All heavy atoms as atom14 arrays in JSON, in Angstrom:
{
  "sequence": "VSGIVIGADTLAVYREQALGKPGNPAAAEKMLLQLNGTVHKVVTGIT",
  "atom14_mask": [
    [1, 1, 1, 1, 1, 1, 1, 0, 0, 0, 0, 0, 0, 0],
    [1, 1, 1, 1, 1, 1, 0, 0, 0, 0, 0, 0, 0, 0],
    [1, 1, 1, 1, 0, 0, 0, 0, 0, 0, 0, 0, 0, 0],
    [1, 1, 1, 1, 1, 1, 1, 1, 0, 0, 0, 0, 0, 0],
    [1, 1, 1, 1, 1, 1, 1, 0, 0, 0, 0, 0, 0, 0],
    [1, 1, 1, 1, 1, 1, 1, 1, 0, 0, 0, 0, 0, 0],
    [1, 1, 1, 1, 0, 0, 0, 0, 0, 0, 0, 0, 0, 0],
    [1, 1, 1, 1, 1, 0, 0, 0, 0, 0, 0, 0, 0, 0],
    [1, 1, 1, 1, 1, 1, 1, 1, 0, 0, 0, 0, 0, 0],
    [1, 1, 1, 1, 1, 1, 1, 0, 0, 0, 0, 0, 0, 0],
    [1, 1, 1, 1, 1, 1, 1, 1, 0, 0, 0, 0, 0, 0],
    [1, 1, 1, 1, 1, 0, 0, 0, 0, 0, 0, 0, 0, 0],
    [1, 1, 1, 1, 1, 1, 1, 0, 0, 0, 0, 0, 0, 0],
    [1, 1, 1, 1, 1, 1, 1, 1, 1, 1, 1, 1, 0, 0],
    [1, 1, 1, 1, 1, 1, 1, 1, 1, 1, 1, 0, 0, 0],
    [1, 1, 1, 1, 1, 1, 1, 1, 1, 0, 0, 0, 0, 0],
    [1, 1, 1, 1, 1, 1, 1, 1, 1, 0, 0, 0, 0, 0],
    [1, 1, 1, 1, 1, 0, 0, 0, 0, 0, 0, 0, 0, 0],
    [1, 1, 1, 1, 1, 1, 1, 1, 0, 0, 0, 0, 0, 0],
    [1, 1, 1, 1, 0, 0, 0, 0, 0, 0, 0, 0, 0, 0],
    [1, 1, 1, 1, 1, 1, 1, 1, 1, 0, 0, 0, 0, 0],
    [1, 1, 1, 1, 1, 1, 1, 0, 0, 0, 0, 0, 0, 0],
    [1, 1, 1, 1, 0, 0, 0, 0, 0, 0, 0, 0, 0, 0],
    [1, 1, 1, 1, 1, 1, 1, 1, 0, 0, 0, 0, 0, 0],
    [1, 1, 1, 1, 1, 1, 1, 0, 0, 0, 0, 0, 0, 0],
    [1, 1, 1, 1, 1, 0, 0, 0, 0, 0, 0, 0, 0, 0],
    [1, 1, 1, 1, 1, 0, 0, 0, 0, 0, 0, 0, 0, 0],
    [1, 1, 1, 1, 1, 0, 0, 0, 0, 0, 0, 0, 0, 0],
    [1, 1, 1, 1, 1, 1, 1, 1, 1, 0, 0, 0, 0, 0],
    [1, 1, 1, 1, 1, 1, 1, 1, 1, 0, 0, 0, 0, 0],
    [1, 1, 1, 1, 1, 1, 1, 1, 0, 0, 0, 0, 0, 0],
    [1, 1, 1, 1, 1, 1, 1, 1, 0, 0, 0, 0, 0, 0],
    [1, 1, 1, 1, 1, 1, 1, 1, 0, 0, 0, 0, 0, 0],
    [1, 1, 1, 1, 1, 1, 1, 1, 1, 0, 0, 0, 0, 0],
    [1, 1, 1, 1, 1, 1, 1, 1, 0, 0, 0, 0, 0, 0],
    [1, 1, 1, 1, 1, 1, 1, 1, 0, 0, 0, 0, 0, 0],
    [1, 1, 1, 1, 0, 0, 0, 0, 0, 0, 0, 0, 0, 0],
    [1, 1, 1, 1, 1, 1, 1, 0, 0, 0, 0, 0, 0, 0],
    [1, 1, 1, 1, 1, 1, 1, 0, 0, 0, 0, 0, 0, 0],
    [1, 1, 1, 1, 1, 1, 1, 1, 1, 1, 0, 0, 0, 0],
    [1, 1, 1, 1, 1, 1, 1, 1, 1, 0, 0, 0, 0, 0],
    [1, 1, 1, 1, 1, 1, 1, 0, 0, 0, 0, 0, 0, 0],
    [1, 1, 1, 1, 1, 1, 1, 0, 0, 0, 0, 0, 0, 0],
    [1, 1, 1, 1, 1, 1, 1, 0, 0, 0, 0, 0, 0, 0],
    [1, 1, 1, 1, 0, 0, 0, 0, 0, 0, 0, 0, 0, 0],
    [1, 1, 1, 1, 1, 1, 1, 1, 0, 0, 0, 0, 0, 0],
    [1, 1, 1, 1, 1, 1, 1, 0, 0, 0, 0, 0, 0, 0]
  ],
  "atom14_positions": [
    [[49.31, -36.08, 45.65], [50.09, -37.02, 44.92], [49.3, -37.96, 44.13], [48.06, -38.01, 44.15], [51.01, -37.75, 45.95], [51.9, -36.88, 46.73], [50.21, -38.77, 46.84], [0.0, 0.0, 0.0], [0.0, 0.0, 0.0], [0.0, 0.0, 0.0], [0.0, 0.0, 0.0], [0.0, 0.0, 0.0], [0.0, 0.0, 0.0], [0.0, 0.0, 0.0]],
    [[50.0, -38.79, 43.41], [49.39, -39.9, 42.64], [50.0, -41.17, 42.9], [51.11, -41.18, 42.9], [49.5, -39.53, 41.25], [48.85, -40.44, 40.37], [0.0, 0.0, 0.0], [0.0, 0.0, 0.0], [0.0, 0.0, 0.0], [0.0, 0.0, 0.0], [0.0, 0.0, 0.0], [0.0, 0.0, 0.0], [0.0, 0.0, 0.0], [0.0, 0.0, 0.0]],
    [[49.17, -42.2, 43.2], [49.63, -43.52, 43.48], [48.88, -44.25, 44.64], [47.69, -43.99, 44.78], [0.0, 0.0, 0.0], [0.0, 0.0, 0.0], [0.0, 0.0, 0.0], [0.0, 0.0, 0.0], [0.0, 0.0, 0.0], [0.0, 0.0, 0.0], [0.0, 0.0, 0.0], [0.0, 0.0, 0.0], [0.0, 0.0, 0.0], [0.0, 0.0, 0.0]],
    [[49.51, -45.07, 45.28], [48.88, -45.85, 46.36], [49.41, -45.1, 47.76], [50.57, -45.23, 48.03], [49.26, -47.32, 46.36], [48.95, -47.93, 45.06], [48.58, -48.14, 47.53], [47.48, -48.01, 44.66], [0.0, 0.0, 0.0], [0.0, 0.0, 0.0], [0.0, 0.0, 0.0], [0.0, 0.0, 0.0], [0.0, 0.0, 0.0], [0.0, 0.0, 0.0]],
    [[48.51, -44.51, 48.4], [48.88, -43.87, 49.63], [48.54, -44.71, 50.96], [47.33, -45.05, 51.0], [48.06, -42.45, 49.72], [48.59, -41.67, 50.96], [48.38, -41.6, 48.52], [0.0, 0.0, 0.0], [0.0, 0.0, 0.0], [0.0, 0.0, 0.0], [0.0, 0.0, 0.0], [0.0, 0.0, 0.0], [0.0, 0.0, 0.0], [0.0, 0.0, 0.0]],
    [[49.43, -44.82, 51.75], [49.23, -45.44, 53.1], [49.31, -44.37, 54.27], [50.07, -43.6, 54.27], [50.46, -46.39, 53.4], [50.63, -47.52, 52.34], [50.29, -47.08, 54.8], [51.95, -48.3, 52.34], [0.0, 0.0, 0.0], [0.0, 0.0, 0.0], [0.0, 0.0, 0.0], [0.0, 0.0, 0.0], [0.0, 0.0, 0.0], [0.0, 0.0, 0.0]],
    [[48.22, -44.49, 55.0], [48.11, -43.53, 56.11], [47.92, -44.49, 57.4], [47.28, -45.52, 57.29], [0.0, 0.0, 0.0], [0.0, 0.0, 0.0], [0.0, 0.0, 0.0], [0.0, 0.0, 0.0], [0.0, 0.0, 0.0], [0.0, 0.0, 0.0], [0.0, 0.0, 0.0], [0.0, 0.0, 0.0], [0.0, 0.0, 0.0], [0.0, 0.0, 0.0]],
    [[48.34, -43.99, 58.55], [48.29, -44.81, 59.73], [48.17, -43.81, 60.99], [48.78, -42.61, 60.95], [49.44, -45.61, 59.84], [0.0, 0.0, 0.0], [0.0, 0.0, 0.0], [0.0, 0.0, 0.0], [0.0, 0.0, 0.0], [0.0, 0.0, 0.0], [0.0, 0.0, 0.0], [0.0, 0.0, 0.0], [0.0, 0.0, 0.0], [0.0, 0.0, 0.0]],
    [[47.56, -44.21, 62.06], [47.54, -43.44, 63.13], [47.48, -44.57, 64.38], [46.54, -45.53, 64.27], [46.33, -42.53, 63.37], [46.58, -41.45, 64.41], [47.4, -40.63, 64.27], [46.02, -41.71, 65.59], [0.0, 0.0, 0.0], [0.0, 0.0, 0.0], [0.0, 0.0, 0.0], [0.0, 0.0, 0.0], [0.0, 0.0, 0.0], [0.0, 0.0, 0.0]],
    [[48.28, -44.34, 65.32], [48.39, -45.06, 66.52], [48.06, -44.54, 67.75], [48.44, -43.39, 68.08], [49.86, -45.75, 66.57], [50.21, -46.34, 65.37], [50.01, -46.56, 67.76], [0.0, 0.0, 0.0], [0.0, 0.0, 0.0], [0.0, 0.0, 0.0], [0.0, 0.0, 0.0], [0.0, 0.0, 0.0], [0.0, 0.0, 0.0], [0.0, 0.0, 0.0]],
    [[47.26, -45.18, 68.55], [46.9, -44.7, 69.86], [46.94, -45.76, 71.0], [46.66, -46.93, 70.69], [45.26, -44.35, 69.86], [44.86, -43.3, 68.88], [43.39, -43.16, 68.8], [45.49, -41.85, 69.17], [0.0, 0.0, 0.0], [0.0, 0.0, 0.0], [0.0, 0.0, 0.0], [0.0, 0.0, 0.0], [0.0, 0.0, 0.0], [0.0, 0.0, 0.0]],
    [[47.33, -45.33, 72.18], [47.29, -46.09, 73.34], [45.81, -46.12, 73.84], [45.23, -44.94, 73.72], [48.29, -45.83, 74.34], [0.0, 0.0, 0.0], [0.0, 0.0, 0.0], [0.0, 0.0, 0.0], [0.0, 0.0, 0.0], [0.0, 0.0, 0.0], [0.0, 0.0, 0.0], [0.0, 0.0, 0.0], [0.0, 0.0, 0.0], [0.0, 0.0, 0.0]],
    [[45.25, -47.17, 74.26], [43.84, -47.16, 74.89], [43.82, -47.75, 76.26], [44.32, -48.82, 76.55], [42.85, -47.97, 73.89], [41.51, -48.01, 74.46], [43.02, -47.5, 72.45], [0.0, 0.0, 0.0], [0.0, 0.0, 0.0], [0.0, 0.0, 0.0], [0.0, 0.0, 0.0], [0.0, 0.0, 0.0], [0.0, 0.0, 0.0], [0.0, 0.0, 0.0]],
    [[43.36, -46.84, 77.22], [43.29, -47.32, 78.59], [41.88, -47.03, 79.09], [41.43, -45.92, 78.98], [44.24, -46.74, 79.45], [44.21, -47.05, 80.92], [44.41, -48.39, 81.3], [43.91, -46.05, 81.93], [44.24, -48.8, 82.51], [43.8, -46.48, 83.27], [44.0, -47.86, 83.58], [43.87, -48.23, 84.94], [0.0, 0.0, 0.0], [0.0, 0.0, 0.0]],
    [[41.2, -48.21, 79.48], [39.77, -48.02, 80.01], [38.93, -47.33, 78.95], [38.15, -46.4, 79.08], [39.66, -47.26, 81.29], [40.27, -48.08, 82.41], [40.0, -47.41, 83.74], [40.57, -48.2, 84.82], [40.77, -47.8, 86.04], [40.61, -46.64, 86.34], [41.3, -48.68, 86.87], [0.0, 0.0, 0.0], [0.0, 0.0, 0.0], [0.0, 0.0, 0.0]],
    [[39.07, -47.73, 77.62], [38.33, -47.25, 76.5], [38.6, -45.66, 76.22], [37.77, -45.14, 75.51], [36.87, -47.53, 76.48], [36.47, -49.05, 76.43], [37.18, -49.73, 75.22], [37.18, -49.26, 74.13], [37.95, -50.72, 75.37], [0.0, 0.0, 0.0], [0.0, 0.0, 0.0], [0.0, 0.0, 0.0], [0.0, 0.0, 0.0], [0.0, 0.0, 0.0]],
    [[39.66, -45.18, 76.89], [40.01, -43.78, 76.59], [41.26, -43.81, 75.6], [42.19, -44.54, 75.89], [40.28, -43.1, 77.94], [40.68, -41.63, 77.77], [41.05, -40.99, 78.92], [41.02, -41.45, 80.07], [41.64, -39.7, 78.89], [0.0, 0.0, 0.0], [0.0, 0.0, 0.0], [0.0, 0.0, 0.0], [0.0, 0.0, 0.0], [0.0, 0.0, 0.0]],
    [[41.18, -43.08, 74.56], [42.31, -42.88, 73.54], [43.33, -41.95, 74.14], [43.14, -40.84, 74.63], [41.79, -42.28, 72.22], [0.0, 0.0, 0.0], [0.0, 0.0, 0.0], [0.0, 0.0, 0.0], [0.0, 0.0, 0.0], [0.0, 0.0, 0.0], [0.0, 0.0, 0.0], [0.0, 0.0, 0.0], [0.0, 0.0, 0.0], [0.0, 0.0, 0.0]],
    [[44.55, -42.45, 74.05], [45.64, -41.64, 74.56], [46.63, -41.45, 73.25], [47.24, -42.42, 72.9], [46.52, -42.39, 75.58], [45.7, -42.71, 76.86], [46.52, -43.52, 77.82], [45.16, -41.5, 77.59], [0.0, 0.0, 0.0], [0.0, 0.0, 0.0], [0.0, 0.0, 0.0], [0.0, 0.0, 0.0], [0.0, 0.0, 0.0], [0.0, 0.0, 0.0]],
    [[46.73, -40.25, 72.86], [47.53, -39.98, 71.6], [48.88, -39.61, 72.11], [49.36, -39.99, 73.11], [0.0, 0.0, 0.0], [0.0, 0.0, 0.0], [0.0, 0.0, 0.0], [0.0, 0.0, 0.0], [0.0, 0.0, 0.0], [0.0, 0.0, 0.0], [0.0, 0.0, 0.0], [0.0, 0.0, 0.0], [0.0, 0.0, 0.0], [0.0, 0.0, 0.0]],
    [[49.52, -38.65, 71.4], [50.83, -38.25, 71.69], [50.73, -37.22, 72.82], [50.09, -36.16, 72.57], [51.53, -37.58, 70.48], [51.81, -38.65, 69.44], [52.1, -37.99, 68.17], [52.31, -38.99, 67.09], [52.22, -38.38, 65.66], [0.0, 0.0, 0.0], [0.0, 0.0, 0.0], [0.0, 0.0, 0.0], [0.0, 0.0, 0.0], [0.0, 0.0, 0.0]],
    [[51.44, -37.31, 73.92], [51.24, -36.39, 74.97], [51.79, -35.03, 74.69], [51.17, -33.92, 75.07], [52.16, -36.86, 76.14], [52.77, -38.08, 75.65], [52.34, -38.39, 74.3], [0.0, 0.0, 0.0], [0.0, 0.0, 0.0], [0.0, 0.0, 0.0], [0.0, 0.0, 0.0], [0.0, 0.0, 0.0], [0.0, 0.0, 0.0], [0.0, 0.0, 0.0]],
    [[52.91, -34.75, 73.74], [53.34, -33.51, 73.35], [54.28, -32.77, 74.19], [55.11, -31.91, 73.81], [0.0, 0.0, 0.0], [0.0, 0.0, 0.0], [0.0, 0.0, 0.0], [0.0, 0.0, 0.0], [0.0, 0.0, 0.0], [0.0, 0.0, 0.0], [0.0, 0.0, 0.0], [0.0, 0.0, 0.0], [0.0, 0.0, 0.0], [0.0, 0.0, 0.0]],
    [[54.22, -33.1, 75.52], [55.36, -32.54, 76.37], [55.59, -33.51, 77.62], [54.79, -34.32, 77.89], [54.96, -31.11, 76.89], [53.62, -31.08, 77.79], [53.48, -31.87, 78.83], [52.63, -30.49, 77.27], [0.0, 0.0, 0.0], [0.0, 0.0, 0.0], [0.0, 0.0, 0.0], [0.0, 0.0, 0.0], [0.0, 0.0, 0.0], [0.0, 0.0, 0.0]],
    [[56.56, -33.3, 78.32], [57.05, -34.28, 79.42], [56.03, -34.36, 80.55], [55.72, -35.45, 81.11], [58.34, -33.85, 79.84], [59.03, -33.17, 78.75], [57.87, -32.39, 77.98], [0.0, 0.0, 0.0], [0.0, 0.0, 0.0], [0.0, 0.0, 0.0], [0.0, 0.0, 0.0], [0.0, 0.0, 0.0], [0.0, 0.0, 0.0], [0.0, 0.0, 0.0]],
    [[55.43, -33.24, 80.87], [54.3, -33.32, 81.95], [53.16, -34.17, 81.53], [52.61, -34.86, 82.32], [53.96, -31.86, 82.26], [0.0, 0.0, 0.0], [0.0, 0.0, 0.0], [0.0, 0.0, 0.0], [0.0, 0.0, 0.0], [0.0, 0.0, 0.0], [0.0, 0.0, 0.0], [0.0, 0.0, 0.0], [0.0, 0.0, 0.0], [0.0, 0.0, 0.0]],
    [[52.64, -33.94, 80.27], [51.46, -34.75, 79.84], [51.97, -36.23, 79.71], [51.09, -37.2, 79.99], [51.04, -34.19, 78.5], [0.0, 0.0, 0.0], [0.0, 0.0, 0.0], [0.0, 0.0, 0.0], [0.0, 0.0, 0.0], [0.0, 0.0, 0.0], [0.0, 0.0, 0.0], [0.0, 0.0, 0.0], [0.0, 0.0, 0.0], [0.0, 0.0, 0.0]],
    [[53.2, -36.47, 79.41], [53.75, -37.83, 79.23], [53.66, -38.52, 80.45], [53.35, -39.72, 80.6], [55.12, -37.84, 78.46], [0.0, 0.0, 0.0], [0.0, 0.0, 0.0], [0.0, 0.0, 0.0], [0.0, 0.0, 0.0], [0.0, 0.0, 0.0], [0.0, 0.0, 0.0], [0.0, 0.0, 0.0], [0.0, 0.0, 0.0], [0.0, 0.0, 0.0]],
    [[54.2, -37.88, 81.48], [54.28, -38.28, 82.91], [52.85, -38.63, 83.37], [52.69, -39.86, 83.94], [54.94, -37.31, 83.84], [55.08, -37.91, 85.22], [55.84, -37.06, 86.14], [56.34, -35.88, 85.68], [56.01, -37.35, 87.4], [0.0, 0.0, 0.0], [0.0, 0.0, 0.0], [0.0, 0.0, 0.0], [0.0, 0.0, 0.0], [0.0, 0.0, 0.0]],
    [[51.93, -37.98, 83.09], [50.52, -38.13, 83.56], [50.0, -39.4, 82.81], [49.43, -40.22, 83.48], [49.63, -37.01, 83.16], [48.14, -37.13, 83.56], [47.33, -35.86, 83.27], [45.91, -35.97, 83.66], [45.1, -34.96, 83.18], [0.0, 0.0, 0.0], [0.0, 0.0, 0.0], [0.0, 0.0, 0.0], [0.0, 0.0, 0.0], [0.0, 0.0, 0.0]],
    [[50.32, -39.64, 81.51], [49.78, -40.73, 80.82], [50.51, -42.05, 81.33], [49.88, -43.02, 81.58], [50.09, -40.59, 79.35], [49.12, -39.83, 78.5], [49.48, -40.02, 76.71], [48.46, -38.75, 76.19], [0.0, 0.0, 0.0], [0.0, 0.0, 0.0], [0.0, 0.0, 0.0], [0.0, 0.0, 0.0], [0.0, 0.0, 0.0], [0.0, 0.0, 0.0]],
    [[51.84, -41.85, 81.63], [52.69, -43.05, 81.98], [52.12, -43.53, 83.43], [52.07, -44.77, 83.62], [54.08, -42.71, 81.94], [54.74, -42.69, 80.52], [56.05, -42.0, 80.64], [54.89, -43.98, 79.9], [0.0, 0.0, 0.0], [0.0, 0.0, 0.0], [0.0, 0.0, 0.0], [0.0, 0.0, 0.0], [0.0, 0.0, 0.0], [0.0, 0.0, 0.0]],
    [[51.87, -42.53, 84.23], [51.28, -42.9, 85.55], [50.0, -43.59, 85.45], [49.74, -44.52, 86.27], [51.17, -41.65, 86.48], [52.51, -41.08, 86.9], [52.22, -39.71, 87.58], [53.18, -41.99, 87.96], [0.0, 0.0, 0.0], [0.0, 0.0, 0.0], [0.0, 0.0, 0.0], [0.0, 0.0, 0.0], [0.0, 0.0, 0.0], [0.0, 0.0, 0.0]],
    [[49.06, -43.23, 84.48], [47.87, -43.93, 84.12], [48.1, -45.29, 83.78], [47.41, -46.29, 84.15], [47.02, -43.25, 83.01], [46.0, -42.34, 83.47], [45.13, -41.94, 82.3], [45.84, -41.32, 81.26], [43.89, -42.17, 82.22], [0.0, 0.0, 0.0], [0.0, 0.0, 0.0], [0.0, 0.0, 0.0], [0.0, 0.0, 0.0], [0.0, 0.0, 0.0]],
    [[49.1, -45.55, 82.9], [49.38, -46.94, 82.29], [50.3, -47.78, 83.15], [50.3, -48.9, 82.88], [50.05, -46.56, 80.91], [49.23, -45.94, 79.77], [50.07, -45.6, 78.63], [47.88, -46.77, 79.53], [0.0, 0.0, 0.0], [0.0, 0.0, 0.0], [0.0, 0.0, 0.0], [0.0, 0.0, 0.0], [0.0, 0.0, 0.0], [0.0, 0.0, 0.0]],
    [[50.93, -47.21, 84.05], [51.97, -47.84, 84.94], [51.19, -49.19, 85.63], [50.17, -49.03, 86.26], [52.38, -46.94, 86.07], [53.59, -47.44, 86.85], [54.32, -48.34, 86.29], [53.88, -46.87, 87.87], [0.0, 0.0, 0.0], [0.0, 0.0, 0.0], [0.0, 0.0, 0.0], [0.0, 0.0, 0.0], [0.0, 0.0, 0.0], [0.0, 0.0, 0.0]],
    [[51.81, -50.33, 85.33], [51.31, -51.59, 85.88], [49.89, -52.12, 85.37], [49.32, -52.93, 86.03], [0.0, 0.0, 0.0], [0.0, 0.0, 0.0], [0.0, 0.0, 0.0], [0.0, 0.0, 0.0], [0.0, 0.0, 0.0], [0.0, 0.0, 0.0], [0.0, 0.0, 0.0], [0.0, 0.0, 0.0], [0.0, 0.0, 0.0], [0.0, 0.0, 0.0]],
    [[49.5, -51.6, 84.28], [48.1, -51.84, 83.68], [48.28, -52.89, 82.51], [49.35, -53.06, 82.0], [47.34, -50.74, 83.16], [48.05, -50.18, 82.03], [47.33, -49.62, 84.19], [0.0, 0.0, 0.0], [0.0, 0.0, 0.0], [0.0, 0.0, 0.0], [0.0, 0.0, 0.0], [0.0, 0.0, 0.0], [0.0, 0.0, 0.0], [0.0, 0.0, 0.0]],
    [[47.15, -53.4, 82.17], [47.05, -54.15, 80.92], [46.26, -53.15, 80.06], [45.15, -52.7, 80.47], [46.38, -55.43, 81.06], [46.02, -56.11, 79.71], [47.18, -56.36, 81.86], [0.0, 0.0, 0.0], [0.0, 0.0, 0.0], [0.0, 0.0, 0.0], [0.0, 0.0, 0.0], [0.0, 0.0, 0.0], [0.0, 0.0, 0.0], [0.0, 0.0, 0.0]],
    [[46.65, -52.77, 79.02], [46.04, -51.83, 78.01], [46.21, -52.09, 76.62], [46.82, -53.05, 76.36], [46.42, -50.42, 78.36], [47.87, -50.0, 78.05], [48.85, -50.41, 79.08], [48.51, -49.59, 76.99], [50.01, -50.08, 78.57], [49.82, -49.51, 77.4], [0.0, 0.0, 0.0], [0.0, 0.0, 0.0], [0.0, 0.0, 0.0], [0.0, 0.0, 0.0]],
    [[45.66, -51.38, 75.67], [45.84, -51.77, 74.28], [46.4, -50.77, 73.42], [46.53, -49.54, 73.85], [44.4, -51.86, 73.53], [43.52, -53.05, 74.02], [42.31, -53.13, 73.22], [41.28, -52.09, 73.33], [39.93, -52.23, 72.72], [0.0, 0.0, 0.0], [0.0, 0.0, 0.0], [0.0, 0.0, 0.0], [0.0, 0.0, 0.0], [0.0, 0.0, 0.0]],
    [[46.99, -51.11, 72.42], [47.45, -50.12, 71.45], [46.78, -50.4, 70.06], [46.74, -51.65, 69.66], [49.05, -50.19, 71.18], [49.47, -49.48, 70.07], [49.68, -49.59, 72.46], [0.0, 0.0, 0.0], [0.0, 0.0, 0.0], [0.0, 0.0, 0.0], [0.0, 0.0, 0.0], [0.0, 0.0, 0.0], [0.0, 0.0, 0.0], [0.0, 0.0, 0.0]],
    [[46.17, -49.5, 69.47], [45.43, -49.62, 68.18], [46.08, -48.77, 67.13], [46.52, -47.64, 67.41], [43.91, -49.33, 68.31], [43.22, -50.38, 69.28], [43.59, -47.97, 68.75], [0.0, 0.0, 0.0], [0.0, 0.0, 0.0], [0.0, 0.0, 0.0], [0.0, 0.0, 0.0], [0.0, 0.0, 0.0], [0.0, 0.0, 0.0], [0.0, 0.0, 0.0]],
    [[46.14, -49.3, 65.93], [46.62, -48.45, 64.82], [45.62, -48.65, 63.72], [45.29, -49.77, 63.23], [48.0, -49.15, 64.3], [48.92, -48.99, 65.28], [48.4, -48.25, 63.07], [0.0, 0.0, 0.0], [0.0, 0.0, 0.0], [0.0, 0.0, 0.0], [0.0, 0.0, 0.0], [0.0, 0.0, 0.0], [0.0, 0.0, 0.0], [0.0, 0.0, 0.0]],
    [[45.1, -47.57, 63.29], [44.24, -47.52, 62.06], [45.06, -47.41, 60.87], [46.16, -46.5, 60.92], [0.0, 0.0, 0.0], [0.0, 0.0, 0.0], [0.0, 0.0, 0.0], [0.0, 0.0, 0.0], [0.0, 0.0, 0.0], [0.0, 0.0, 0.0], [0.0, 0.0, 0.0], [0.0, 0.0, 0.0], [0.0, 0.0, 0.0], [0.0, 0.0, 0.0]],
    [[44.87, -48.19, 60.0], [45.46, -48.09, 58.68], [44.56, -47.97, 57.44], [43.57, -48.64, 57.51], [46.59, -49.27, 58.37], [45.87, -50.52, 58.5], [47.86, -49.04, 59.13], [46.75, -51.67, 58.06], [0.0, 0.0, 0.0], [0.0, 0.0, 0.0], [0.0, 0.0, 0.0], [0.0, 0.0, 0.0], [0.0, 0.0, 0.0], [0.0, 0.0, 0.0]],
    [[45.0, -47.1, 56.54], [44.14, -46.95, 55.29], [44.97, -46.8, 54.15], [46.14, -46.39, 54.23], [43.32, -45.6, 55.45], [44.05, -44.43, 55.72], [42.22, -45.68, 56.4], [0.0, 0.0, 0.0], [0.0, 0.0, 0.0], [0.0, 0.0, 0.0], [0.0, 0.0, 0.0], [0.0, 0.0, 0.0], [0.0, 0.0, 0.0], [0.0, 0.0, 0.0]]
  ]
}
C-alpha cells in the first residue's frame, strides 16, 4: 500500500517471558494459571 502504515503487536510478559496468543483453550488455561494472582506486564510494540 501507499501511505502512513501503523503496525502493533501486544504481548503479556511474566518473569521476562513473552506470552503471545495461546491459540486454543488448553494453552490459554496454562497461561492463565501462570498469570493467576500475579503482577505482570503487557507490552505493545508500535511502528
